[in-house]
N, C-alpha and C. Protein backbone atom coordinates (compact mmCIF):
# COMPACT_ATOMS: atom_id res chain seq x y z
N MET A 1 -67.90 -64.61 209.30
CA MET A 1 -66.26 -64.42 208.92
C MET A 1 -66.00 -62.75 210.18
N ALA A 2 -66.99 -61.84 210.20
CA ALA A 2 -66.71 -60.87 210.99
C ALA A 2 -66.46 -61.49 212.88
N THR A 3 -65.34 -60.87 213.25
CA THR A 3 -65.78 -61.12 215.18
C THR A 3 -66.00 -60.21 215.57
N SER A 4 -66.61 -59.39 214.84
CA SER A 4 -67.92 -57.98 215.70
C SER A 4 -69.10 -57.71 215.32
N SER A 5 -70.37 -57.60 215.55
CA SER A 5 -71.26 -57.04 215.03
C SER A 5 -71.55 -55.67 215.20
N ALA A 6 -70.40 -55.00 215.05
CA ALA A 6 -71.17 -53.63 215.24
C ALA A 6 -71.55 -53.04 214.38
N ASP A 7 -72.61 -51.79 214.01
CA ASP A 7 -72.85 -51.21 213.22
C ASP A 7 -72.81 -50.51 212.10
N ASN A 8 -72.51 -50.96 211.03
CA ASN A 8 -72.31 -49.88 210.14
C ASN A 8 -72.80 -49.36 209.41
N ALA A 9 -72.13 -48.53 208.05
CA ALA A 9 -73.28 -48.84 206.76
C ALA A 9 -73.07 -50.00 206.24
N VAL A 10 -71.76 -50.23 205.90
CA VAL A 10 -71.74 -51.82 205.58
C VAL A 10 -72.39 -52.85 205.23
N LYS A 11 -72.51 -52.72 206.78
CA LYS A 11 -73.72 -53.80 207.38
C LYS A 11 -75.11 -53.15 207.05
N ARG A 12 -75.35 -52.52 207.35
CA ARG A 12 -76.71 -51.76 207.11
C ARG A 12 -77.38 -52.13 205.64
N HIS A 13 -76.59 -51.60 204.27
CA HIS A 13 -76.51 -51.79 203.20
C HIS A 13 -75.87 -52.75 202.42
N PRO A 14 -75.56 -53.82 202.37
CA PRO A 14 -74.43 -55.10 201.99
C PRO A 14 -75.09 -55.00 200.42
N LEU A 15 -76.43 -54.81 200.04
CA LEU A 15 -76.58 -55.32 198.79
C LEU A 15 -76.24 -54.08 197.66
N ALA A 16 -76.38 -52.80 198.36
CA ALA A 16 -75.60 -51.90 197.35
C ALA A 16 -74.22 -51.89 197.68
N VAL A 17 -73.48 -52.32 198.58
CA VAL A 17 -72.51 -52.17 198.77
C VAL A 17 -71.29 -52.86 198.02
N THR A 18 -72.49 -54.00 197.37
CA THR A 18 -72.21 -55.67 196.56
C THR A 18 -72.37 -54.96 195.40
N ALA A 19 -73.48 -54.27 194.73
CA ALA A 19 -74.53 -54.05 193.34
C ALA A 19 -72.52 -52.63 192.73
N LEU A 20 -72.86 -52.18 194.06
CA LEU A 20 -71.09 -51.11 193.94
C LEU A 20 -69.87 -51.58 193.27
N LEU A 21 -69.41 -52.56 194.09
CA LEU A 21 -68.31 -53.69 193.64
C LEU A 21 -68.31 -54.16 192.74
N SER A 22 -69.85 -55.17 192.49
CA SER A 22 -69.43 -55.54 191.01
C SER A 22 -69.47 -54.20 190.14
N VAL A 23 -69.93 -53.59 190.10
CA VAL A 23 -69.80 -52.13 189.38
C VAL A 23 -68.76 -52.18 188.64
N VAL A 24 -68.14 -52.01 189.77
CA VAL A 24 -66.34 -51.49 189.64
C VAL A 24 -65.35 -52.68 188.98
N GLY A 25 -65.64 -53.60 189.29
CA GLY A 25 -65.27 -54.83 188.69
C GLY A 25 -65.64 -55.44 187.19
N TYR A 26 -66.76 -54.87 186.97
CA TYR A 26 -67.02 -55.20 185.63
C TYR A 26 -66.49 -54.24 184.62
N ALA A 27 -66.80 -52.91 185.47
CA ALA A 27 -66.28 -51.54 184.18
C ALA A 27 -65.05 -52.27 183.85
N ALA A 28 -64.23 -52.34 184.78
CA ALA A 28 -62.18 -52.45 184.77
C ALA A 28 -62.16 -53.48 183.65
N VAL A 29 -62.86 -55.00 183.98
CA VAL A 29 -62.48 -55.86 183.00
C VAL A 29 -63.30 -55.46 181.64
N VAL A 30 -64.10 -55.06 181.64
CA VAL A 30 -64.90 -54.45 179.98
C VAL A 30 -64.34 -53.71 179.60
N GLY A 31 -63.66 -52.85 180.32
CA GLY A 31 -62.93 -51.55 179.52
C GLY A 31 -61.86 -52.07 179.13
N THR A 32 -61.26 -53.11 179.68
CA THR A 32 -59.70 -53.66 179.58
C THR A 32 -60.07 -54.00 177.86
N PHE A 33 -61.27 -54.80 177.96
CA PHE A 33 -61.19 -55.58 176.96
C PHE A 33 -61.60 -54.59 175.73
N LEU A 34 -62.27 -53.67 175.71
CA LEU A 34 -62.99 -52.93 174.93
C LEU A 34 -61.52 -52.11 174.15
N GLY A 35 -60.85 -51.52 175.43
CA GLY A 35 -59.78 -50.69 174.93
C GLY A 35 -59.57 -49.19 175.73
N VAL A 36 -61.15 -49.19 176.05
CA VAL A 36 -61.58 -48.07 176.79
C VAL A 36 -60.24 -47.73 178.55
N VAL A 37 -59.65 -48.83 178.67
CA VAL A 37 -58.60 -48.27 179.49
C VAL A 37 -57.50 -47.75 178.92
N PRO A 38 -56.87 -46.62 178.99
CA PRO A 38 -55.61 -46.71 178.65
C PRO A 38 -54.39 -47.62 178.86
N ARG A 39 -53.94 -47.47 177.03
CA ARG A 39 -53.04 -48.65 177.34
C ARG A 39 -51.64 -48.19 178.24
N SER A 40 -51.57 -47.14 178.44
CA SER A 40 -50.53 -46.58 178.98
C SER A 40 -50.78 -47.32 180.53
N VAL A 41 -51.85 -47.42 180.72
CA VAL A 41 -52.10 -48.23 182.35
C VAL A 41 -51.04 -49.42 182.42
N PHE A 42 -51.13 -50.13 181.43
CA PHE A 42 -50.23 -51.35 181.50
C PHE A 42 -49.08 -51.53 181.08
N PRO A 43 -48.23 -52.38 181.22
CA PRO A 43 -47.10 -52.74 180.86
C PRO A 43 -47.06 -53.13 179.15
N ASP A 44 -46.10 -53.03 178.44
CA ASP A 44 -46.36 -53.53 176.71
C ASP A 44 -45.46 -54.77 177.16
N LEU A 45 -46.11 -56.05 176.82
CA LEU A 45 -46.02 -57.55 177.20
C LEU A 45 -45.87 -58.12 175.69
N SER A 46 -44.79 -58.83 175.55
CA SER A 46 -44.44 -59.80 175.09
C SER A 46 -44.89 -61.19 174.93
N LEU A 47 -45.29 -62.04 174.00
CA LEU A 47 -45.74 -63.40 174.19
C LEU A 47 -44.84 -63.94 174.81
N TRP A 48 -44.10 -63.89 175.36
CA TRP A 48 -43.60 -64.86 176.29
C TRP A 48 -43.84 -64.52 177.81
N ALA A 49 -43.74 -63.18 178.14
CA ALA A 49 -44.99 -62.50 178.89
C ALA A 49 -46.43 -62.44 179.45
N VAL A 50 -46.56 -62.95 178.48
CA VAL A 50 -48.45 -63.17 177.94
C VAL A 50 -48.57 -64.49 178.69
N ASN A 51 -47.58 -65.76 177.90
CA ASN A 51 -47.52 -66.78 178.63
C ASN A 51 -47.13 -66.86 179.73
N ARG A 52 -46.35 -66.31 180.37
CA ARG A 52 -46.01 -66.64 181.59
C ARG A 52 -46.82 -66.10 182.83
N LEU A 53 -48.00 -65.26 182.14
CA LEU A 53 -48.71 -64.59 182.88
C LEU A 53 -50.35 -65.65 183.06
N ALA A 54 -50.27 -66.08 181.63
CA ALA A 54 -51.46 -67.48 181.61
C ALA A 54 -50.85 -68.21 182.82
N ASP A 55 -49.81 -68.69 182.41
CA ASP A 55 -49.42 -69.79 183.46
C ASP A 55 -49.71 -69.55 184.93
N ALA A 56 -49.14 -68.30 185.26
CA ALA A 56 -49.71 -67.69 186.70
C ALA A 56 -50.80 -67.80 186.92
N ILE A 57 -51.65 -67.21 186.12
CA ILE A 57 -53.17 -67.28 186.40
C ILE A 57 -53.45 -68.69 186.66
N ALA A 58 -53.02 -69.94 185.88
CA ALA A 58 -53.56 -71.00 186.34
C ALA A 58 -52.72 -71.46 187.64
N VAL A 59 -52.20 -71.54 187.98
CA VAL A 59 -51.15 -71.67 189.56
C VAL A 59 -51.96 -70.57 190.20
N VAL A 60 -52.57 -69.78 189.88
CA VAL A 60 -53.44 -69.15 191.27
C VAL A 60 -54.95 -69.59 191.60
N ASN A 61 -55.60 -70.02 190.44
CA ASN A 61 -56.73 -70.39 189.89
C ASN A 61 -56.73 -71.61 190.42
N ALA A 62 -55.80 -72.80 190.58
CA ALA A 62 -55.84 -73.73 191.03
C ALA A 62 -55.75 -74.02 192.31
N ALA A 63 -54.72 -72.62 192.73
CA ALA A 63 -54.95 -72.96 194.44
C ALA A 63 -56.20 -72.56 194.81
N ASN A 64 -56.87 -71.46 194.41
CA ASN A 64 -57.89 -70.86 194.61
C ASN A 64 -58.86 -72.02 194.98
N VAL A 65 -58.86 -73.37 193.98
CA VAL A 65 -60.27 -74.30 193.70
C VAL A 65 -59.84 -75.04 195.31
N LEU A 66 -58.14 -75.29 195.48
CA LEU A 66 -58.26 -75.73 196.99
C LEU A 66 -58.98 -75.09 198.36
N VAL A 67 -58.18 -73.87 198.26
CA VAL A 67 -58.51 -73.06 198.91
C VAL A 67 -60.09 -73.27 199.53
N ILE A 68 -60.94 -72.89 198.43
CA ILE A 68 -62.82 -72.83 198.68
C ILE A 68 -63.25 -74.38 198.88
N ALA A 69 -62.57 -75.32 198.50
CA ALA A 69 -62.60 -76.61 198.91
C ALA A 69 -62.24 -77.13 200.79
N ALA A 70 -61.40 -76.38 200.51
CA ALA A 70 -61.21 -76.54 202.41
C ALA A 70 -62.14 -75.37 202.83
N GLY A 71 -62.49 -74.21 202.38
CA GLY A 71 -63.50 -73.68 203.04
C GLY A 71 -64.87 -74.29 203.52
N TRP A 72 -65.25 -74.63 202.63
CA TRP A 72 -66.77 -75.84 202.22
C TRP A 72 -66.11 -76.70 203.19
N ARG A 73 -65.07 -78.04 202.93
CA ARG A 73 -65.56 -78.70 204.40
C ARG A 73 -65.05 -78.23 205.76
N TRP A 74 -64.23 -77.04 205.78
CA TRP A 74 -64.89 -76.09 207.48
C TRP A 74 -65.90 -76.17 207.82
N ILE A 75 -66.43 -75.33 207.14
CA ILE A 75 -67.69 -74.89 208.05
C ILE A 75 -68.94 -75.90 207.94
N ARG A 76 -68.65 -77.55 206.65
CA ARG A 76 -69.41 -78.39 206.89
C ARG A 76 -69.18 -79.01 208.50
N ARG A 77 -68.09 -78.92 209.03
CA ARG A 77 -67.27 -79.71 209.91
C ARG A 77 -67.75 -78.19 211.23
N ASP A 78 -67.94 -77.10 211.16
CA ASP A 78 -68.26 -76.00 212.25
C ASP A 78 -67.01 -75.37 212.31
N GLU A 79 -65.79 -75.66 211.70
CA GLU A 79 -64.75 -74.70 212.16
C GLU A 79 -64.80 -73.59 211.36
N VAL A 80 -65.30 -72.79 211.81
CA VAL A 80 -65.85 -71.21 212.00
C VAL A 80 -64.56 -69.79 211.18
N GLU A 81 -63.85 -70.60 212.11
CA GLU A 81 -62.50 -69.40 211.81
C GLU A 81 -61.59 -69.78 210.99
N LYS A 82 -61.74 -71.47 210.94
CA LYS A 82 -60.68 -71.56 209.16
C LYS A 82 -61.69 -71.71 208.11
N HIS A 83 -63.00 -71.63 208.37
CA HIS A 83 -63.84 -70.97 207.45
C HIS A 83 -63.62 -69.89 206.47
N ALA A 84 -63.32 -68.88 207.68
CA ALA A 84 -63.16 -67.69 207.62
C ALA A 84 -62.19 -66.95 206.51
N ALA A 85 -61.42 -67.64 207.56
CA ALA A 85 -59.45 -67.21 207.05
C ALA A 85 -59.63 -67.67 205.39
N ALA A 86 -60.38 -69.18 205.12
CA ALA A 86 -60.39 -69.53 203.97
C ALA A 86 -61.00 -68.98 202.63
N MET A 87 -61.72 -68.08 203.18
CA MET A 87 -62.83 -67.00 202.19
C MET A 87 -62.28 -66.18 202.18
N VAL A 88 -61.32 -65.48 203.35
CA VAL A 88 -60.78 -64.41 202.99
C VAL A 88 -59.72 -64.48 201.92
N THR A 89 -59.16 -65.62 202.28
CA THR A 89 -57.93 -65.90 201.50
C THR A 89 -57.95 -66.07 199.70
N SER A 90 -59.26 -66.77 199.71
CA SER A 90 -60.19 -67.31 198.32
C SER A 90 -60.34 -66.06 197.68
N PHE A 91 -60.79 -65.05 198.34
CA PHE A 91 -60.96 -63.45 197.92
C PHE A 91 -59.89 -62.72 197.73
N LEU A 92 -58.87 -62.58 198.57
CA LEU A 92 -57.66 -62.51 197.67
C LEU A 92 -56.94 -63.18 196.30
N LEU A 93 -56.94 -63.78 196.61
CA LEU A 93 -56.60 -65.18 195.50
C LEU A 93 -57.37 -64.39 194.10
N ILE A 94 -58.71 -64.01 194.45
CA ILE A 94 -59.43 -63.82 193.05
C ILE A 94 -58.96 -62.46 192.67
N LEU A 95 -58.36 -61.28 193.84
CA LEU A 95 -57.52 -60.10 193.31
C LEU A 95 -56.95 -60.21 192.35
N VAL A 96 -55.58 -60.93 192.70
CA VAL A 96 -54.46 -61.39 192.28
C VAL A 96 -54.53 -62.37 190.62
N PHE A 97 -55.62 -62.86 190.75
CA PHE A 97 -55.98 -63.14 189.27
C PHE A 97 -56.59 -61.93 188.45
N LEU A 98 -57.09 -61.13 188.82
CA LEU A 98 -58.05 -60.44 188.14
C LEU A 98 -56.37 -58.97 187.71
N VAL A 99 -55.90 -58.53 188.86
CA VAL A 99 -54.48 -58.14 188.10
C VAL A 99 -54.38 -58.74 187.09
N LEU A 100 -53.38 -59.99 187.28
CA LEU A 100 -52.87 -60.60 186.33
C LEU A 100 -53.41 -60.72 184.86
N TYR A 101 -54.75 -60.94 185.04
CA TYR A 101 -55.52 -61.32 183.97
C TYR A 101 -55.70 -59.64 183.10
N LEU A 102 -55.86 -58.81 183.99
CA LEU A 102 -56.13 -57.64 183.51
C LEU A 102 -54.59 -56.88 182.88
N THR A 103 -53.98 -57.58 183.47
CA THR A 103 -52.26 -56.99 182.98
C THR A 103 -52.21 -57.87 181.73
N LYS A 104 -52.13 -58.88 182.13
CA LYS A 104 -52.32 -59.76 180.30
C LYS A 104 -53.49 -59.34 179.36
N ILE A 105 -54.48 -58.83 179.58
CA ILE A 105 -55.33 -58.79 178.57
C ILE A 105 -55.32 -57.01 177.86
N GLY A 106 -54.82 -56.72 179.12
CA GLY A 106 -54.22 -55.04 178.60
C GLY A 106 -53.36 -54.59 178.42
N GLY A 107 -52.14 -55.83 178.46
CA GLY A 107 -50.56 -55.27 177.38
C GLY A 107 -50.15 -56.25 177.09
N GLY A 108 -51.05 -56.75 176.43
CA GLY A 108 -50.77 -58.39 175.98
C GLY A 108 -51.87 -58.63 174.85
N GLY A 109 -52.23 -60.27 174.89
CA GLY A 109 -53.69 -60.22 174.24
C GLY A 109 -54.10 -61.29 174.72
N THR A 110 -54.98 -61.97 173.78
CA THR A 110 -55.35 -63.52 173.93
C THR A 110 -55.07 -64.02 173.00
N LYS A 111 -55.20 -65.90 173.51
CA LYS A 111 -54.59 -66.87 172.51
C LYS A 111 -55.68 -67.58 172.18
N GLU A 112 -56.43 -67.97 171.01
CA GLU A 112 -57.42 -68.21 170.34
C GLU A 112 -57.05 -69.95 170.25
N PHE A 113 -58.01 -70.83 170.09
CA PHE A 113 -57.87 -72.39 170.33
C PHE A 113 -57.72 -72.53 169.08
N VAL A 114 -56.65 -73.54 168.46
CA VAL A 114 -56.38 -74.26 167.58
C VAL A 114 -56.33 -75.60 167.74
N GLY A 115 -57.40 -76.42 167.17
CA GLY A 115 -56.90 -77.99 167.44
C GLY A 115 -58.30 -78.59 167.00
N PRO A 116 -58.42 -80.32 166.48
CA PRO A 116 -59.33 -80.82 166.13
C PRO A 116 -60.74 -80.22 166.33
N THR A 117 -61.68 -80.69 165.51
CA THR A 117 -63.28 -79.85 165.89
C THR A 117 -63.33 -80.68 166.96
N LEU A 118 -63.39 -82.16 167.18
CA LEU A 118 -63.63 -83.25 167.88
C LEU A 118 -63.46 -82.88 169.55
N VAL A 119 -62.10 -81.80 169.53
CA VAL A 119 -62.02 -81.21 170.82
C VAL A 119 -62.42 -79.68 171.30
N TYR A 120 -62.68 -79.01 169.80
CA TYR A 120 -62.61 -77.86 169.54
C TYR A 120 -64.11 -77.01 170.29
N TYR A 121 -65.59 -78.01 169.95
CA TYR A 121 -66.79 -77.54 170.55
C TYR A 121 -66.50 -77.81 172.37
N PRO A 122 -66.22 -78.99 172.59
CA PRO A 122 -66.09 -79.18 173.98
C PRO A 122 -65.15 -77.84 174.85
N TYR A 123 -64.20 -77.67 173.84
CA TYR A 123 -63.32 -76.42 174.61
C TYR A 123 -64.39 -75.27 174.87
N LEU A 124 -64.85 -74.95 173.52
CA LEU A 124 -65.63 -73.55 173.51
C LEU A 124 -66.74 -74.04 174.81
N THR A 125 -67.35 -74.75 174.65
CA THR A 125 -68.71 -75.29 176.00
C THR A 125 -68.12 -74.78 177.09
N MET A 126 -66.91 -75.40 177.41
CA MET A 126 -66.28 -75.26 178.62
C MET A 126 -66.17 -74.28 179.02
N LEU A 127 -65.47 -73.25 178.22
CA LEU A 127 -65.08 -72.02 177.71
C LEU A 127 -66.13 -70.74 178.15
N ALA A 128 -66.92 -71.40 177.42
CA ALA A 128 -68.32 -70.01 177.60
C ALA A 128 -68.89 -70.39 178.97
N ILE A 129 -69.26 -72.00 179.63
CA ILE A 129 -69.41 -72.15 181.26
C ILE A 129 -68.61 -71.19 181.67
N HIS A 130 -67.26 -71.39 182.05
CA HIS A 130 -66.42 -71.11 182.20
C HIS A 130 -66.41 -69.06 182.69
N ILE A 131 -66.70 -68.61 181.77
CA ILE A 131 -66.92 -66.85 181.26
C ILE A 131 -68.17 -67.08 182.02
N VAL A 132 -69.38 -67.58 181.69
CA VAL A 132 -70.83 -67.28 182.20
C VAL A 132 -70.52 -67.18 183.79
N LEU A 133 -70.23 -68.45 183.83
CA LEU A 133 -70.14 -68.51 185.92
C LEU A 133 -69.41 -67.27 186.48
N SER A 134 -68.54 -67.20 185.70
CA SER A 134 -67.26 -66.17 185.80
C SER A 134 -68.28 -64.09 186.42
N ILE A 135 -68.90 -64.19 185.68
CA ILE A 135 -69.41 -63.19 185.16
C ILE A 135 -70.84 -63.49 186.01
N VAL A 136 -71.83 -63.81 186.00
CA VAL A 136 -72.57 -64.06 187.06
C VAL A 136 -72.42 -64.28 188.58
N SER A 137 -71.59 -65.17 188.68
CA SER A 137 -71.23 -65.43 190.20
C SER A 137 -70.92 -64.06 191.08
N VAL A 138 -70.23 -62.91 190.34
CA VAL A 138 -69.25 -62.35 191.08
C VAL A 138 -70.45 -61.32 192.01
N PRO A 139 -71.43 -60.91 191.67
CA PRO A 139 -72.58 -60.44 192.30
C PRO A 139 -72.71 -60.92 193.83
N VAL A 140 -72.54 -62.55 193.30
CA VAL A 140 -73.00 -63.39 194.71
C VAL A 140 -72.05 -63.72 195.33
N VAL A 141 -70.73 -63.89 195.18
CA VAL A 141 -69.30 -64.07 196.05
C VAL A 141 -69.32 -62.85 196.60
N LEU A 142 -69.20 -61.74 196.19
CA LEU A 142 -68.78 -59.99 196.94
C LEU A 142 -70.33 -59.92 198.20
N TYR A 143 -71.54 -60.49 197.71
CA TYR A 143 -72.26 -60.56 198.73
C TYR A 143 -72.03 -61.65 199.45
N ALA A 144 -71.61 -62.63 199.70
CA ALA A 144 -71.46 -63.73 200.81
C ALA A 144 -70.08 -62.94 201.43
N LEU A 145 -69.55 -62.30 200.80
CA LEU A 145 -68.31 -61.62 201.63
C LEU A 145 -68.54 -60.71 202.18
N VAL A 146 -69.29 -60.06 201.58
CA VAL A 146 -69.74 -58.49 202.54
C VAL A 146 -70.28 -58.95 203.97
N LEU A 147 -71.48 -60.02 203.83
CA LEU A 147 -72.12 -60.41 204.73
C LEU A 147 -71.15 -60.94 205.89
N GLY A 148 -70.28 -62.10 205.23
CA GLY A 148 -69.52 -62.71 206.01
C GLY A 148 -68.64 -61.65 207.20
N VAL A 149 -68.05 -60.31 206.19
CA VAL A 149 -67.11 -59.21 206.92
C VAL A 149 -67.73 -58.50 207.86
N THR A 150 -68.78 -58.26 207.70
CA THR A 150 -69.83 -57.33 208.36
C THR A 150 -70.76 -58.00 209.58
N HIS A 151 -70.90 -59.42 209.73
CA HIS A 151 -71.93 -59.87 210.50
C HIS A 151 -70.91 -60.79 211.42
N SER A 152 -71.18 -61.24 212.34
CA SER A 152 -70.47 -62.22 213.61
C SER A 152 -70.98 -63.15 213.20
N PRO A 153 -70.68 -64.19 213.75
CA PRO A 153 -71.07 -65.90 213.48
C PRO A 153 -72.37 -66.04 213.23
N ALA A 154 -73.20 -65.72 214.86
CA ALA A 154 -74.19 -66.06 215.30
C ALA A 154 -75.10 -65.36 214.24
N GLU A 155 -74.96 -63.90 213.96
CA GLU A 155 -75.65 -63.45 213.10
C GLU A 155 -76.19 -63.71 211.57
N LEU A 156 -74.79 -64.28 211.46
CA LEU A 156 -75.03 -64.93 209.80
C LEU A 156 -75.87 -66.47 210.06
N ARG A 157 -75.80 -66.71 210.76
CA ARG A 157 -77.07 -68.25 210.97
C ARG A 157 -78.29 -67.50 211.08
N SER A 158 -78.52 -66.88 212.23
CA SER A 158 -80.23 -65.97 212.34
C SER A 158 -80.27 -65.02 211.36
N GLU A 159 -79.85 -63.92 211.07
CA GLU A 159 -80.12 -62.81 210.71
C GLU A 159 -80.27 -63.16 209.22
N THR A 160 -78.87 -63.62 208.20
CA THR A 160 -78.67 -63.09 207.21
C THR A 160 -78.67 -64.34 206.04
N PRO A 161 -78.93 -64.37 204.58
CA PRO A 161 -79.24 -65.19 203.79
C PRO A 161 -77.55 -65.83 203.46
N HIS A 162 -76.39 -65.97 204.57
CA HIS A 162 -75.09 -66.11 203.87
C HIS A 162 -75.01 -67.57 203.78
N ARG A 163 -75.51 -68.50 204.74
CA ARG A 163 -75.41 -69.87 204.45
C ARG A 163 -75.82 -70.20 203.04
N ARG A 164 -77.03 -69.90 202.76
CA ARG A 164 -77.67 -70.31 201.51
C ARG A 164 -76.80 -69.45 199.90
N VAL A 165 -76.60 -68.13 200.15
CA VAL A 165 -76.00 -67.67 198.94
C VAL A 165 -74.17 -68.01 199.17
N GLY A 166 -73.69 -68.31 200.48
CA GLY A 166 -72.41 -68.57 200.12
C GLY A 166 -72.19 -69.99 199.56
N ARG A 167 -73.19 -71.61 199.71
CA ARG A 167 -73.17 -72.36 199.12
C ARG A 167 -73.20 -71.88 197.45
N ILE A 168 -74.44 -71.17 197.11
CA ILE A 168 -74.21 -71.09 195.61
C ILE A 168 -73.00 -70.14 194.89
N ALA A 169 -72.37 -69.48 196.13
CA ALA A 169 -70.83 -68.67 195.19
C ALA A 169 -69.54 -69.69 195.56
N ALA A 170 -69.81 -69.76 196.00
CA ALA A 170 -68.45 -71.41 196.56
C ALA A 170 -68.82 -72.28 195.09
N ALA A 171 -70.24 -73.05 195.06
CA ALA A 171 -70.32 -74.13 194.39
C ALA A 171 -70.11 -73.44 192.35
N SER A 172 -70.48 -72.21 192.47
CA SER A 172 -70.63 -71.32 190.95
C SER A 172 -68.57 -70.93 190.73
N TRP A 173 -68.21 -70.47 191.85
CA TRP A 173 -66.68 -70.39 191.96
C TRP A 173 -66.01 -71.09 191.76
N LEU A 174 -66.27 -72.47 192.47
CA LEU A 174 -65.45 -73.59 192.03
C LEU A 174 -65.53 -73.93 190.60
N LEU A 175 -66.50 -74.25 189.96
CA LEU A 175 -66.63 -75.05 189.05
C LEU A 175 -66.11 -74.00 187.96
N SER A 176 -66.31 -72.51 187.62
CA SER A 176 -65.93 -71.67 187.15
C SER A 176 -63.85 -71.73 186.87
N LEU A 177 -63.95 -71.63 188.44
CA LEU A 177 -62.10 -71.99 187.98
C LEU A 177 -61.96 -73.03 187.53
N ALA A 178 -62.31 -74.49 188.44
CA ALA A 178 -61.94 -75.91 187.54
C ALA A 178 -61.95 -75.51 185.95
N LEU A 179 -62.72 -75.48 185.52
CA LEU A 179 -62.85 -75.39 183.91
C LEU A 179 -62.45 -74.39 183.68
N GLY A 180 -61.64 -73.28 183.96
CA GLY A 180 -60.33 -72.19 183.53
C GLY A 180 -59.46 -73.33 183.84
N VAL A 181 -59.04 -73.80 184.45
CA VAL A 181 -58.13 -74.37 184.82
C VAL A 181 -57.70 -75.70 183.34
N VAL A 182 -58.43 -76.17 183.32
CA VAL A 182 -59.31 -77.43 181.84
C VAL A 182 -58.45 -77.05 180.59
N THR A 183 -59.55 -75.54 180.61
CA THR A 183 -59.12 -74.66 179.42
C THR A 183 -58.10 -74.07 179.28
N TYR A 184 -57.06 -73.67 179.98
CA TYR A 184 -56.29 -73.12 180.30
C TYR A 184 -54.68 -74.46 179.48
N LEU A 185 -55.20 -75.73 180.16
CA LEU A 185 -54.13 -77.09 180.13
C LEU A 185 -54.85 -77.04 178.13
N LEU A 186 -55.38 -77.59 177.58
CA LEU A 186 -56.23 -78.05 176.81
C LEU A 186 -55.22 -76.64 175.50
N LEU A 187 -55.56 -75.06 175.80
CA LEU A 187 -55.10 -74.15 174.90
C LEU A 187 -53.59 -74.30 175.31
N ASN A 188 -53.16 -74.36 175.94
CA ASN A 188 -51.70 -73.71 176.54
C ASN A 188 -50.57 -75.09 176.18
N HIS A 189 -51.51 -76.39 176.39
CA HIS A 189 -50.46 -77.45 176.53
C HIS A 189 -50.71 -78.35 175.84
N ALA A 190 -52.10 -78.87 175.50
CA ALA A 190 -52.48 -79.77 174.57
C ALA A 190 -52.44 -79.72 173.23
N PHE A 191 -52.70 -78.77 172.67
CA PHE A 191 -53.16 -78.40 171.21
C PHE A 191 -52.53 -77.08 171.25
N SER A 192 -52.87 -76.31 169.82
CA SER A 192 -52.39 -75.11 169.31
C SER A 192 -52.98 -73.91 169.56
N TRP A 193 -52.03 -72.73 169.15
CA TRP A 193 -53.41 -71.58 169.54
C TRP A 193 -53.30 -70.33 168.79
N GLU A 194 -53.85 -69.79 168.55
CA GLU A 194 -53.40 -68.41 167.88
C GLU A 194 -53.45 -66.93 168.58
N TYR A 195 -52.46 -66.13 168.41
CA TYR A 195 -52.12 -64.91 169.16
C TYR A 195 -52.95 -64.01 168.34
N VAL A 196 -54.12 -62.98 169.51
CA VAL A 196 -54.34 -61.84 169.45
C VAL A 196 -54.46 -60.63 169.87
N GLU A 197 -53.49 -59.85 169.43
CA GLU A 197 -53.32 -58.79 170.32
C GLU A 197 -54.76 -58.05 170.84
N SER A 198 -54.50 -57.38 171.99
CA SER A 198 -55.71 -56.65 172.74
C SER A 198 -56.49 -55.83 171.67
N ALA A 199 -57.11 -54.81 172.41
CA ALA A 199 -58.12 -54.21 171.98
C ALA A 199 -57.43 -52.72 171.61
N ALA A 200 -56.93 -52.75 173.20
CA ALA A 200 -55.73 -51.69 173.44
C ALA A 200 -54.76 -51.46 172.39
N ALA A 201 -53.99 -52.71 172.43
CA ALA A 201 -52.65 -52.52 171.57
C ALA A 201 -52.95 -52.39 170.21
N THR A 202 -54.33 -52.82 169.59
CA THR A 202 -54.68 -52.54 168.64
C THR A 202 -55.09 -51.35 167.86
N LEU A 203 -55.99 -50.34 168.63
CA LEU A 203 -56.13 -49.09 168.71
C LEU A 203 -55.09 -48.10 168.55
N LEU A 204 -53.84 -48.78 169.36
CA LEU A 204 -52.62 -47.77 169.87
C LEU A 204 -52.02 -47.86 168.08
N LEU A 205 -52.06 -49.15 167.06
CA LEU A 205 -51.43 -48.96 166.19
C LEU A 205 -52.17 -48.05 165.38
N LEU A 206 -53.35 -47.83 165.25
CA LEU A 206 -54.07 -47.04 164.32
C LEU A 206 -53.96 -45.57 163.82
C-alpha cells in the first residue's frame, strides 16, 4: 500500500505496532462491555437511537463486505493502487463501525434474540462465529495493514508475509462481517428481541 520504502520505527517493528494497536482496541471494547469506561463518555441513548445505530452498523458492515471483495479482486488482477485504496477504505469503515458499536453498547445496550428454537441455535452459532472471528482477526487485519502502509509494493512481495497474511485477514473479516449482517437481519427484522441495558447503564442505576 505504501508508495515509499523509507525506513522508520513502525516499518522495523510491525509486530510490536500491531500488538499495541490490538491491545488498545481490545481494551476499548472490553472496557465498554464491563462498564469500566465511564458512562459519561457516551451519550444517553434511547431505544430508538440504539435501533438506528444498529441499522447504521449493518449498513457500514455490508458496505465493507463489498469494499473488501473489490480489493481482493483488484489485487488478483495486479491493480495494486486500487487494492490499496480499497484496503485503506475498509480499515476506515472498521473504525466507523467501532465508534458506532461502542456508542451503542456504552450509551444504550444490546438486544437478545427471541425466536423459535429451530432458528435460535443457528442464530447463536452464526453469532458465535462472527464474534470469535471479530476478536481473533483484529491483529491479523492490523498486521496486514501495518505492513501495507510501511512497505512499497516490491517490498511487500519479496520481504514480507503480506500476501499470505492479507488472504487470511480478508477471508476472516469478510466472513465475520457477512455473518454480522445476517444475524442483524434475523434479530432486528425477522424475529423478536429483548432489550438489555449496558453494564455501564446498570451500574449507574445502582
